[in-house]
């Protein structure tokens, strides 16, 4: 399945430098910003078979031009896929 879209709006009176998304500690995307005081970013993630049955931890981090950082964390549970066994023919 797909997580999102998640829309994050960030503000920084000193100007924004970057917006970053991590999944389970690994960077998924980094968006450089050019000193805007407000920005909106949309993020979508499509779960892989390896994600099935797990809790995924997403961290959304905004950094301003002075180095200040704000982070929001969101945990998503990915359901395990159902297993279907199909038998055709006669079983003896």
Protein backbone atom coordinates (compact mmCIF):
# COMPACT_ATOMS: atom_id res chain seq x y z
CA UNK A 1 0.00 0.00 0.00
CA UNK A 2 0.89 3.64 -0.12
CA UNK A 3 1.64 5.93 2.82
CA UNK A 4 0.39 9.39 2.12
CA UNK A 5 0.39 11.73 0.66
CA UNK A 6 1.62 13.44 3.81
CA UNK A 7 1.82 17.22 3.59
CA UNK A 8 4.15 19.07 5.92
CA UNK A 9 4.14 22.84 6.31
CA UNK A 10 7.23 24.27 7.98
CA UNK A 11 8.03 27.81 9.04
CA UNK A 12 11.20 29.48 10.24
CA UNK A 13 11.52 33.23 10.82
CA UNK A 14 15.29 32.98 10.10
CA UNK A 15 14.69 31.27 6.74
CA UNK A 16 14.56 27.57 5.87
CA UNK A 17 17.63 25.70 4.65
CA UNK A 18 16.30 22.17 4.09
CA UNK A 19 13.55 19.64 4.63
CA UNK A 20 14.41 15.95 5.02
CA UNK A 21 12.44 12.70 5.31
CA UNK A 22 13.90 9.54 6.85
CA UNK A 23 12.43 6.03 6.98
CA UNK A 24 13.80 3.90 9.79
CA UNK A 25 16.80 6.22 10.09
CA UNK A 26 17.74 6.22 6.38
CA UNK A 27 17.29 9.39 4.33
CA UNK A 28 14.51 8.97 1.75
CA UNK A 29 14.53 12.52 0.39
CA UNK A 30 16.15 15.88 1.04
CA UNK A 31 14.71 19.11 -0.32
CA UNK A 32 17.07 22.12 -0.30
CA UNK A 33 15.31 25.39 0.47
CA UNK A 34 16.50 28.91 -0.28
CA UNK A 35 15.72 30.90 2.84
CA UNK A 36 11.93 30.91 2.51
CA UNK A 37 10.24 31.57 5.84
CA UNK A 38 7.47 29.08 5.03
CA UNK A 39 7.35 25.99 2.79
CA UNK A 40 4.98 23.10 2.11
CA UNK A 41 6.27 19.69 1.08
CA UNK A 42 4.30 16.60 0.07
CA UNK A 43 5.66 13.10 0.65
CA UNK A 44 4.38 9.70 -0.52
CA UNK A 45 5.90 6.27 0.17
CA UNK A 46 4.85 2.95 -1.36
CA UNK A 47 5.43 0.00 0.95
CA UNK A 48 7.57 -2.86 -0.33
CA UNK A 49 7.07 -6.57 0.38
CA UNK A 50 9.95 -6.28 2.90
CA UNK A 51 7.86 -3.74 4.87
CA UNK A 52 4.98 -6.21 5.44
CA UNK A 53 4.17 -6.81 9.10
CA UNK A 54 6.47 -4.01 10.31
CA UNK A 55 6.18 -0.62 11.95
CA UNK A 56 7.86 2.00 9.76
CA UNK A 57 9.20 5.11 11.51
CA UNK A 58 9.17 8.27 9.39
CA UNK A 59 11.01 11.38 10.60
CA UNK A 60 10.32 14.74 8.99
CA UNK A 61 13.07 17.27 9.75
CA UNK A 62 13.24 20.97 8.92
CA UNK A 63 16.48 22.92 9.32
CA UNK A 64 16.77 26.70 9.24
CA UNK A 65 19.69 28.80 7.98
CA UNK A 66 21.01 29.20 11.54
CA UNK A 67 21.19 25.42 12.06
CA UNK A 68 18.11 25.06 14.28
CA UNK A 69 16.27 21.78 13.73
CA UNK A 70 12.68 20.65 14.28
CA UNK A 71 11.63 17.02 13.82
CA UNK A 72 8.23 15.31 13.74
CA UNK A 73 7.96 11.50 13.93
CA UNK A 74 5.17 9.37 12.48
CA UNK A 75 4.89 5.57 12.86
CA UNK A 76 3.00 3.56 10.23
CA UNK A 77 2.10 -0.12 10.61
CA UNK A 78 2.18 -2.09 7.37
CA UNK A 79 -0.11 -5.10 7.47
CA UNK A 80 1.25 -8.46 6.39
CA UNK A 81 -0.03 -9.67 3.05
CA UNK A 82 -2.56 -12.49 3.10
CA UNK A 83 -1.31 -15.82 1.85
CA UNK A 84 -3.62 -17.62 -0.54
CA UNK A 85 -3.17 -21.26 -1.40
CA UNK A 86 -5.13 -22.39 -4.44
CA UNK A 87 -5.49 -26.10 -5.15
CA UNK A 88 -6.75 -27.27 -8.51
CA UNK A 89 -7.40 -30.84 -9.47
CA UNK A 90 -8.00 -33.86 -7.25
CA UNK A 91 -6.21 -34.52 -4.02
CA UNK A 92 -5.98 -38.23 -3.20
